[in-house]
C-alpha atoms as a PDB file:
ATOM      1  CA  MET A   1      48.664 -25.721 -31.660  1.00  0.00           C
ATOM      2  CA  GLU A   2      45.737 -26.998 -28.261  1.00  0.00           C
ATOM      3  CA  ALA A   3      46.812 -24.449 -25.885  1.00  0.00           C
ATOM      4  CA  ILE A   4      46.904 -21.585 -27.904  1.00  0.00           C
ATOM      5  CA  GLN A   5      43.081 -22.713 -28.945  1.00  0.00           C
ATOM      6  CA  GLU A   6      42.212 -24.390 -25.653  1.00  0.00           C
ATOM      7  CA  LYS A   7      43.383 -20.082 -24.112  1.00  0.00           C
ATOM      8  CA  SER A   8      40.305 -18.347 -26.009  1.00  0.00           C
ATOM      9  CA  LEU A   9      37.928 -21.206 -25.714  1.00  0.00           C
ATOM     10  CA  GLN A  10      38.617 -20.012 -22.227  1.00  0.00           C
ATOM     11  CA  HIS A  11      37.482 -16.124 -21.600  1.00  0.00           C
ATOM     12  CA  GLU A  12      37.343 -14.204 -17.833  1.00  0.00           C
ATOM     13  CA  THR A  13      33.591 -13.425 -17.058  1.00  0.00           C
ATOM     14  CA  LYS A  14      33.960 -10.343 -15.158  1.00  0.00           C
ATOM     15  CA  THR A  15      30.083  -9.619 -13.060  1.00  0.00           C
ATOM     16  CA  ALA A  16      28.510  -6.426 -11.764  1.00  0.00           C
ATOM     17  CA  ASP A  17      28.965  -5.908  -8.208  1.00  0.00           C
ATOM     18  CA  PHE A  18      24.954  -4.942  -8.066  1.00  0.00           C
ATOM     19  CA  ILE A  19      24.022  -3.325  -4.722  1.00  0.00           C
ATOM     20  CA  GLN A  20      20.215  -2.320  -4.812  1.00  0.00           C
ATOM     21  CA  ALA A  21      19.332   0.162  -2.892  1.00  0.00           C
ATOM     22  CA  VAL A  22      16.788  -1.344   1.084  1.00  0.00           C
ATOM     23  CA  THR A  23      14.337   1.033   2.690  1.00  0.00           C
ATOM     24  CA  PRO A  24      13.908  -0.965   6.153  1.00  0.00           C
ATOM     25  CA  PHE A  25      10.367  -1.992   6.726  1.00  0.00           C
ATOM     26  CA  GLU A  26      10.224   0.770   9.526  1.00  0.00           C
ATOM     27  CA  GLU A  27      10.291   3.139   7.322  1.00  0.00           C
ATOM     28  CA  VAL A  28       7.586   1.796   5.714  1.00  0.00           C
ATOM     29  CA  ASP A  29       3.967   4.045   5.722  1.00  0.00           C
ATOM     30  CA  GLU A  30       1.683   1.898   8.211  1.00  0.00           C
ATOM     31  CA  VAL A  31      -0.759   1.085   5.337  1.00  0.00           C
ATOM     32  CA  VAL A  32       2.267  -0.505   3.524  1.00  0.00           C
ATOM     33  CA  LYS A  33       2.607  -2.078   6.255  1.00  0.00           C
ATOM     34  CA  LEU A  34      -0.757  -3.264   6.784  1.00  0.00           C
ATOM     35  CA  ALA A  35      -0.991  -4.481   2.606  1.00  0.00           C
ATOM     36  CA  VAL A  36       1.838  -7.132   2.947  1.00  0.00           C
ATOM     37  CA  HIS A  37       0.894  -7.967   6.425  1.00  0.00           C
ATOM     38  CA  PHE A  38      -2.549  -9.046   5.500  1.00  0.00           C
ATOM     39  CA  ALA A  39      -2.021 -10.183   1.562  1.00  0.00           C
ATOM     40  CA  SER A  40       0.792 -12.837   3.881  1.00  0.00           C
ATOM     41  CA  GLU A  41      -2.126 -12.959   6.085  1.00  0.00           C
ATOM     42  CA  LYS A  42      -3.880 -14.916   2.398  1.00  0.00           C
ATOM     43  CA  LYS A  43      -0.408 -16.739   1.229  1.00  0.00           C
ATOM     44  CA  ALA A  44       0.088 -14.546  -1.305  1.00  0.00           C
ATOM     45  CA  PHE A  45       3.766 -15.410  -1.809  1.00  0.00           C
ATOM     46  CA  ASN A  46       6.552 -13.446  -3.129  1.00  0.00           C
ATOM     47  CA  ILE A  47       5.837 -10.659  -2.301  1.00  0.00           C
ATOM     48  CA  VAL A  48       7.565  -7.543  -2.791  1.00  0.00           C
ATOM     49  CA  ALA A  49       7.673  -3.843  -2.089  1.00  0.00           C
ATOM     50  CA  LEU A  50       9.371  -1.042  -4.429  1.00  0.00           C
ATOM     51  CA  ASP A  51      10.222   2.644  -2.854  1.00  0.00           C
ATOM     52  CA  LEU A  52       9.430   4.706  -6.076  1.00  0.00           C
ATOM     53  CA  ARG A  53       9.570   7.954  -3.563  1.00  0.00           C
ATOM     54  CA  GLU A  54      13.164   9.000  -5.295  1.00  0.00           C
ATOM     55  CA  ILE A  55      12.402   7.427  -8.443  1.00  0.00           C
ATOM     56  CA  ALA A  56       8.362   8.573  -9.771  1.00  0.00           C
ATOM     57  CA  SER A  57       5.547  11.627  -8.732  1.00  0.00           C
ATOM     58  CA  PHE A  58       2.084   9.136  -9.318  1.00  0.00           C
ATOM     59  CA  ALA A  59       2.736   6.840  -6.316  1.00  0.00           C
ATOM     60  CA  GLU A  60       5.297   5.906  -3.042  1.00  0.00           C
ATOM     61  CA  PHE A  61       5.317   2.601  -3.238  1.00  0.00           C
ATOM     62  CA  PHE A  62       4.045  -0.931  -4.967  1.00  0.00           C
ATOM     63  CA  VAL A  63       3.181  -3.820  -3.762  1.00  0.00           C
ATOM     64  CA  ILE A  64       3.408  -6.461  -5.729  1.00  0.00           C
ATOM     65  CA  ALA A  65       2.142  -9.979  -4.898  1.00  0.00           C
ATOM     66  CA  SER A  66       0.761 -13.328  -6.708  1.00  0.00           C
ATOM     67  CA  GLY A  67      -1.323 -15.493  -5.801  1.00  0.00           C
ATOM     68  CA  ALA A  68      -1.874 -19.154  -7.325  1.00  0.00           C
ATOM     69  CA  ASN A  69      -4.844 -19.317  -8.670  1.00  0.00           C
ATOM     70  CA  GLN A  70      -7.493 -16.610 -10.067  1.00  0.00           C
ATOM     71  CA  ARG A  71      -9.444 -16.783  -6.424  1.00  0.00           C
ATOM     72  CA  GLN A  72      -6.661 -16.778  -4.912  1.00  0.00           C
ATOM     73  CA  VAL A  73      -5.432 -13.824  -5.951  1.00  0.00           C
ATOM     74  CA  GLN A  74      -9.218 -11.976  -5.043  1.00  0.00           C
ATOM     75  CA  ALA A  75      -8.480 -13.796  -1.906  1.00  0.00           C
ATOM     76  CA  ILE A  76      -6.391 -11.992  -1.599  1.00  0.00           C
ATOM     77  CA  SER A  77      -7.375  -8.889  -3.122  1.00  0.00           C
ATOM     78  CA  ASP A  78     -10.102  -9.122  -0.854  1.00  0.00           C
ATOM     79  CA  GLU A  79      -8.456  -8.578   2.516  1.00  0.00           C
ATOM     80  CA  ILE A  80      -6.432  -6.407   2.289  1.00  0.00           C
ATOM     81  CA  SER A  81      -9.549  -3.870   1.311  1.00  0.00           C
ATOM     82  CA  GLU A  82     -11.593  -5.194   3.797  1.00  0.00           C
ATOM     83  CA  GLN A  83      -8.845  -4.953   6.465  1.00  0.00           C
ATOM     84  CA  LEU A  84      -7.907  -1.283   5.149  1.00  0.00           C
ATOM     85  CA  LYS A  85     -10.871  -0.022   5.176  1.00  0.00           C
ATOM     86  CA  ALA A  86     -12.062  -1.154   8.822  1.00  0.00           C
ATOM     87  CA  GLN A  87      -8.622  -0.549  10.196  1.00  0.00           C
ATOM     88  CA  LEU A  88      -7.887   3.040   8.878  1.00  0.00           C
ATOM     89  CA  ASN A  89     -10.912   3.919   7.024  1.00  0.00           C
ATOM     90  CA  ALA A  90      -8.276   3.971   3.626  1.00  0.00           C
ATOM     91  CA  ARG A  91     -10.259   3.062   0.501  1.00  0.00           C
ATOM     92  CA  PRO A  92      -8.895   1.944  -2.900  1.00  0.00           C
ATOM     93  CA  ILE A  93      -9.643   4.951  -5.229  1.00  0.00           C
ATOM     94  CA  ARG A  94      -9.726   2.650  -8.109  1.00  0.00           C
ATOM     95  CA  ILE A  95     -10.082  -1.060  -8.991  1.00  0.00           C
ATOM     96  CA  GLU A  96      -8.628  -3.028 -12.157  1.00  0.00           C
ATOM     97  CA  GLY A  97      -8.862  -6.326 -13.295  1.00  0.00           C
ATOM     98  CA  TYR A  98     -11.269  -8.049 -10.368  1.00  0.00           C
ATOM     99  CA  ARG A  99     -13.370 -10.430 -12.814  1.00  0.00           C
ATOM    100  CA  GLY A 100     -10.038 -11.752 -14.219  1.00  0.00           C
ATOM    101  CA  ALA A 101      -8.325 -11.831 -11.714  1.00  0.00           C
ATOM    102  CA  GLU A 102      -5.127 -12.215 -13.879  1.00  0.00           C
ATOM    103  CA  TRP A 103      -3.781  -9.143 -12.132  1.00  0.00           C
ATOM    104  CA  ILE A 104      -5.484  -7.039  -9.286  1.00  0.00           C
ATOM    105  CA  LEU A 105      -4.636  -3.596  -9.343  1.00  0.00           C
ATOM    106  CA  LEU A 106      -5.626  -1.307  -6.192  1.00  0.00           C
ATOM    107  CA  ASP A 107      -4.354   2.234  -5.863  1.00  0.00           C
ATOM    108  CA  TYR A 108      -4.308   3.870  -3.097  1.00  0.00           C
ATOM    109  CA  GLY A 109      -3.309   7.439  -4.224  1.00  0.00           C
ATOM    110  CA  ASP A 110       0.388   7.095  -1.958  1.00  0.00           C
ATOM    111  CA  PHE A 111       0.482   2.889  -3.146  1.00  0.00           C
ATOM    112  CA  ILE A 112      -0.453   1.027  -5.176  1.00  0.00           C
ATOM    113  CA  VAL A 113      -0.471  -3.409  -4.338  1.00  0.00           C
ATOM    114  CA  HIS A 114      -0.497  -5.627  -7.513  1.00  0.00           C
ATOM    115  CA  ILE A 115      -1.801  -9.171  -7.115  1.00  0.00           C
ATOM    116  CA  PHE A 116      -1.147 -10.774  -9.799  1.00  0.00           C
ATOM    117  CA  GLU A 117      -1.939 -15.362 -11.141  1.00  0.00           C
ATOM    118  CA  GLU A 118       1.533 -16.973 -10.900  1.00  0.00           C
ATOM    119  CA  LYS A 119       2.006 -16.644 -15.202  1.00  0.00           C
ATOM    120  CA  SER A 120       1.319 -13.305 -15.248  1.00  0.00           C
ATOM    121  CA  ARG A 121       3.314 -11.293 -13.070  1.00  0.00           C
ATOM    122  CA  GLU A 122       6.243 -12.962 -15.092  1.00  0.00           C
ATOM    123  CA  PHE A 123       4.678 -11.609 -18.048  1.00  0.00           C
ATOM    124  CA  TYR A 124       4.700  -8.425 -16.910  1.00  0.00           C
ATOM    125  CA  ASP A 125       7.190  -8.020 -14.718  1.00  0.00           C
ATOM    126  CA  LEU A 126       6.725  -5.255 -13.020  1.00  0.00           C
ATOM    127  CA  GLU A 127      10.241  -5.893 -10.668  1.00  0.00           C
ATOM    128  CA  ARG A 128      12.411  -5.201 -13.715  1.00  0.00           C
ATOM    129  CA  LEU A 129       9.821  -3.016 -15.164  1.00  0.00           C
ATOM    130  CA  TRP A 130      10.778  -0.288 -12.059  1.00  0.00           C
ATOM    131  CA  ARG A 131      14.826  -2.126 -11.510  1.00  0.00           C
ATOM    132  CA  ASP A 132      15.748   1.515  -9.794  1.00  0.00           C
ATOM    133  CA  ALA A 133      13.731   1.615  -7.350  1.00  0.00           C
ATOM    134  CA  LYS A 134      14.201   0.710  -3.884  1.00  0.00           C
ATOM    135  CA  LYS A 135      13.466  -2.193  -2.300  1.00  0.00           C
ATOM    136  CA  VAL A 136      11.500  -2.462  -0.185  1.00  0.00           C
ATOM    137  CA  GLN A 137      13.136  -4.861   3.256  1.00  0.00           C
ATOM    138  CA  ILE A 138      10.084  -7.168   3.963  1.00  0.00           C
ATOM    139  CA  PRO A 139      10.314  -9.210   7.564  1.00  0.00           C
ATOM    140  CA  GLU A 140      10.723 -12.688   7.611  1.00  0.00           C
ATOM    141  CA  ASN A 141       7.840 -13.744   9.510  1.00  0.00           C
ATOM    142  CA  ILE A 142       5.392 -10.815   8.005  1.00  0.00           C
END
């Protein structure tokens, strides 16, 4: 009886092999590459870029990054805005959330930069919401 009971408690779990499509960094627009680079320069962490071209019509890419606190979130936002303006004359169409700095959104039309404070990023979990998007393969040395 114990052998039967033991077998019934052991159930086989199958894991689905989920392979997410990846977009090489070289295929990304120069302005998006620079936004990723400038976020990294200001010590943003967990930087992710999502390729939305096949699943959305309002933007081609999302850049998602985290800062440790509100000041760092604002500093990352400022660096991206200032450098893209200086180097490519690119200006955001809209900036949302700068004052509160829990989630700053920089809308450049073709791509959107989301800069989160860590807790807000966990709460909104954009990567889960946009899980059908291809992930951009960001180089380690960016």
